[in-house]
Protein backbone atom coordinates (compact mmCIF):
# COMPACT_ATOMS: atom_id res chain seq x y z
CA MET A 1 -1.02 -15.76 1.17
CA PRO A 2 -2.12 -14.11 -2.05
CA ILE A 3 -4.69 -11.37 -1.61
CA ARG A 4 -8.04 -12.58 -2.92
CA PHE A 5 -11.39 -10.87 -2.71
CA ASP A 6 -13.25 -13.59 -4.67
CA HIS A 7 -15.17 -11.01 -6.73
CA LYS A 8 -16.69 -9.36 -3.67
CA PRO A 9 -15.91 -6.14 -1.84
CA GLY A 10 -13.09 -6.25 0.68
CA LEU A 11 -12.16 -3.94 3.52
CA VAL A 12 -8.65 -2.47 3.28
CA VAL A 13 -7.45 -0.58 6.38
CA TYR A 14 -4.48 1.82 6.36
CA VAL A 15 -2.37 2.30 9.52
CA THR A 16 0.73 4.50 9.83
CA ALA A 17 3.35 2.32 11.49
CA GLY A 18 4.79 3.75 14.67
CA ASP A 19 1.95 6.14 15.46
CA PRO A 20 1.51 6.44 18.33
CA THR A 21 3.92 3.54 19.05
CA ARG A 22 5.02 0.30 17.42
CA GLU A 23 3.07 -1.68 20.03
CA ALA A 24 -0.07 0.37 19.50
CA THR A 25 0.22 -0.04 15.72
CA ARG A 26 0.37 -3.81 16.13
CA ALA A 27 -2.67 -3.77 18.42
CA ILE A 28 -4.62 -1.50 16.02
CA ALA A 29 -3.83 -3.71 13.01
CA ILE A 30 -4.82 -6.89 14.83
CA ALA A 31 -8.03 -5.30 16.14
CA ALA A 32 -8.88 -4.19 12.58
CA ILE A 33 -8.31 -7.71 11.25
CA ASP A 34 -10.39 -9.21 14.05
CA ALA A 35 -13.16 -6.71 13.23
CA GLY A 36 -13.24 -7.83 9.59
CA ALA A 37 -10.43 -6.07 7.70
CA ASP A 38 -9.33 -8.18 4.74
CA VAL A 39 -6.08 -6.28 4.15
CA ILE A 40 -3.86 -4.07 6.31
CA GLU A 41 -1.86 -1.38 4.54
CA LEU A 42 1.08 -0.77 6.84
CA GLY A 43 2.27 2.78 6.15
CA VAL A 44 6.00 3.50 6.22
CA PRO A 45 6.69 6.86 7.90
CA PHE A 46 8.21 9.38 5.51
CA SER A 47 9.31 12.95 6.12
CA ASP A 48 7.73 14.38 2.96
CA PRO A 49 4.36 12.66 2.33
CA LEU A 50 3.15 14.97 -0.43
CA GLY A 51 0.40 12.63 -1.64
CA ASP A 52 -1.26 12.42 1.75
CA GLY A 53 -3.70 14.70 3.50
CA PRO A 54 -3.25 16.36 6.89
CA VAL A 55 -4.32 13.40 9.04
CA ILE A 56 -1.76 11.00 7.56
CA GLN A 57 0.86 13.75 7.34
CA ARG A 58 0.56 14.36 11.08
CA ALA A 59 0.67 10.63 11.82
CA MET A 60 3.83 10.33 9.73
CA GLU A 61 5.39 13.33 11.46
CA ARG A 62 4.80 11.69 14.85
CA ALA A 63 6.19 8.35 13.66
CA VAL A 64 9.24 9.98 12.08
CA ALA A 65 9.83 11.90 15.32
CA ARG A 66 9.81 8.54 17.12
CA LYS A 67 12.45 7.38 14.61
CA THR A 68 10.28 4.62 13.18
CA SER A 69 12.34 3.15 10.34
CA LEU A 70 11.55 0.91 7.40
CA ALA A 71 13.30 -1.92 9.27
CA ASP A 72 10.88 -1.31 12.18
CA VAL A 73 7.92 -1.48 9.81
CA LEU A 74 9.12 -4.77 8.34
CA ALA A 75 9.58 -6.21 11.84
CA LEU A 76 6.05 -5.05 12.66
CA ALA A 77 4.76 -6.71 9.48
CA ARG A 78 6.39 -9.95 10.60
CA ASP A 79 4.70 -9.67 14.01
CA ILE A 80 1.29 -9.04 12.46
CA ARG A 81 1.73 -11.95 10.05
CA GLU A 82 2.61 -14.29 12.91
CA ALA A 83 -0.42 -13.14 14.91
CA ARG A 84 -2.90 -13.22 12.00
CA PRO A 85 -1.50 -15.47 9.25
CA ASP A 86 -4.55 -15.27 6.98
CA ALA A 87 -4.88 -11.48 6.70
CA GLY A 88 -3.67 -9.60 3.65
CA LEU A 89 -0.65 -7.43 4.43
CA ILE A 90 0.66 -4.64 2.19
CA ILE A 91 3.67 -2.39 2.80
CA PHE A 92 2.48 1.11 1.84
CA THR A 93 5.34 3.51 1.18
CA TYR A 94 6.96 6.22 -0.85
CA PHE A 95 9.93 5.10 -2.95
CA ASN A 96 12.56 7.16 -1.12
CA PRO A 97 12.64 4.92 2.02
CA ILE A 98 13.07 1.87 -0.25
CA LEU A 99 15.95 3.51 -2.16
CA ARG A 100 17.66 4.41 1.10
CA TYR A 101 17.18 0.87 2.43
CA GLY A 102 18.24 -0.75 -0.86
CA LEU A 103 15.72 -2.15 -3.34
CA SER A 104 16.97 -5.75 -3.34
CA ARG A 105 17.42 -5.79 0.41
CA PHE A 106 13.92 -4.37 0.85
CA ALA A 107 12.42 -7.00 -1.45
CA ASP A 108 14.21 -9.78 0.45
CA ASP A 109 13.21 -8.45 3.87
CA ALA A 110 9.58 -7.73 2.92
CA ALA A 111 9.27 -11.27 1.58
CA ALA A 112 10.92 -12.64 4.74
CA ALA A 113 8.37 -10.70 6.81
CA ARG A 114 5.70 -12.51 4.72
CA ALA A 115 4.08 -9.38 3.39
CA ASP A 116 1.79 -10.05 0.46
CA GLY A 117 2.75 -7.01 -1.54
CA VAL A 118 3.96 -3.46 -1.77
CA LEU A 119 2.19 -0.25 -2.75
CA VAL A 120 4.63 2.52 -3.65
CA ILE A 121 2.63 5.72 -3.82
CA ASP A 122 5.03 7.73 -5.99
CA ILE A 123 6.26 5.22 -8.55
CA VAL A 124 4.74 5.09 -12.01
CA VAL A 125 4.44 1.84 -13.89
CA GLU A 126 6.36 3.17 -16.91
CA GLU A 127 9.47 3.71 -14.73
CA ALA A 128 9.14 0.63 -12.53
CA ALA A 129 11.04 -2.08 -14.44
CA GLU A 130 13.70 -2.67 -11.76
CA TYR A 131 11.12 -2.53 -8.97
CA LEU A 132 8.83 -4.96 -10.81
CA ALA A 133 11.72 -7.36 -11.38
CA GLU A 134 12.53 -7.35 -7.66
CA MET A 135 8.89 -7.88 -6.68
CA ASP A 136 8.66 -10.78 -9.12
CA ARG A 137 11.95 -12.27 -7.88
CA VAL A 138 10.67 -12.59 -4.32
CA GLY A 139 6.99 -13.22 -5.08
CA LEU A 140 5.57 -9.95 -3.75
CA ALA A 141 2.51 -8.37 -5.36
CA PRO A 142 3.15 -4.88 -6.76
CA VAL A 143 0.09 -2.67 -6.25
CA PHE A 144 -0.21 0.43 -8.43
CA LEU A 145 -2.45 3.47 -8.16
CA VAL A 146 -4.81 4.64 -10.86
CA ALA A 147 -6.42 8.08 -10.88
CA PRO A 148 -9.35 9.64 -12.69
CA THR A 149 -6.77 11.31 -14.94
CA SER A 150 -4.94 8.08 -15.86
CA PRO A 151 -4.85 7.65 -19.65
CA ASP A 152 -6.02 4.36 -21.16
CA GLU A 153 -2.44 3.26 -21.93
CA ARG A 154 -1.47 3.65 -18.28
CA LEU A 155 -4.62 1.85 -17.12
CA GLU A 156 -3.72 -1.06 -19.38
CA ALA A 157 -0.12 -1.17 -18.10
CA ILE A 158 -1.28 -1.02 -14.49
CA ALA A 159 -3.85 -3.76 -15.08
CA THR A 160 -1.05 -5.87 -16.59
CA HIS A 161 1.51 -5.33 -13.82
CA SER A 162 -0.55 -5.01 -10.63
CA LYS A 163 -1.11 -8.13 -8.57
CA GLY A 164 -3.57 -8.62 -5.74
CA PHE A 165 -5.55 -5.44 -6.34
CA ILE A 166 -5.37 -2.02 -7.95
CA TYR A 167 -5.61 1.08 -5.78
CA ALA A 168 -8.15 3.33 -7.49
CA ILE A 169 -7.95 6.95 -6.37
CA SER A 170 -11.47 8.33 -6.48
CA ARG A 171 -10.46 11.95 -7.01
CA VAL A 172 -7.50 14.13 -7.97
CA GLY A 173 -5.52 15.58 -5.07
CA ILE A 174 -4.30 14.44 -1.69
CA THR A 175 -5.94 11.90 0.57
CA GLY A 176 -8.30 13.00 3.30
CA LYS A 177 -11.85 13.40 4.49
CA GLN A 178 -14.42 14.35 1.87
CA GLN A 179 -18.14 15.02 1.99
CA SER A 180 -18.92 13.17 -1.24
CA MET A 181 -17.43 10.91 -3.91
CA THR A 182 -16.67 12.51 -7.26
CA SER A 183 -18.42 11.34 -10.39
CA ASP A 184 -14.99 10.47 -11.84
CA ALA A 185 -14.78 7.37 -9.63
CA ALA A 186 -17.40 5.39 -11.55
CA ALA A 187 -15.76 6.24 -14.89
CA LEU A 188 -12.35 5.23 -13.52
CA VAL A 189 -13.57 1.81 -12.40
CA ALA A 190 -15.41 1.30 -15.70
CA GLY A 191 -12.22 2.17 -17.60
CA TRP A 192 -10.12 -0.21 -15.52
CA LEU A 193 -12.62 -3.04 -15.97
CA ALA A 194 -12.48 -2.52 -19.72
CA CYS A 195 -8.66 -2.80 -19.62
CA ALA A 196 -8.79 -5.88 -17.37
CA ASP A 197 -11.08 -7.84 -19.73
C-alpha cells in the first residue's frame, strides 16, 4: 500500500527491531498501529548508529547483542504486514547492513515482505543512483532526510526522488529528547514546500 497522508498530519512511530525481543517488537508495532500510528519505521539494528541519540543507541546495542539481523527485520516486517495490512511500513536503516546483505537481494526481500519503503539514514541523494534504481525496480518508496542545513539544490533533489514522505530533521545533531523545537524547523518545511511546488 502506498503511504498516503491525504494532506493531513500522520503519526509515524519508530521501533528498533529486536529490542527487547522479536516477539515484543511485533507486539509493540501492532499496538502502535491499533492506537493510531499511520506508519511504523522498523529500525534495523546496527553496531555504529552515529546519527542516533543515546536511547536508540542503547536499543540497537541490545538488539545487536541478541544477534538481530536484517533478515530477521524483514521477516518481522512480513509478520506485521500480515497482521495489519493497511498500515504504512518503512524499513529504517543505515546503508552498511544493506551492503552486507546485498542491495538487489535486500530490495527483493523488502518488497517480498511488503514493506512500503526504505529510509537509509546515511545515504545522500547525490550518491544514491544505484539504490534509487533498485527501489524503483521493486516498487519501494525511497525516503530521504532533509536537515535545516540542506541547501536548496539538495532539497529539490530530495523532493524529486523521495516517495511517500520526506523525513525532515528539525535540528542539527543526533536524535533524542529535546525541551523545545528549533526555529530552523519552520524554515526547513517552508523551503521544502517551495521545492515541491
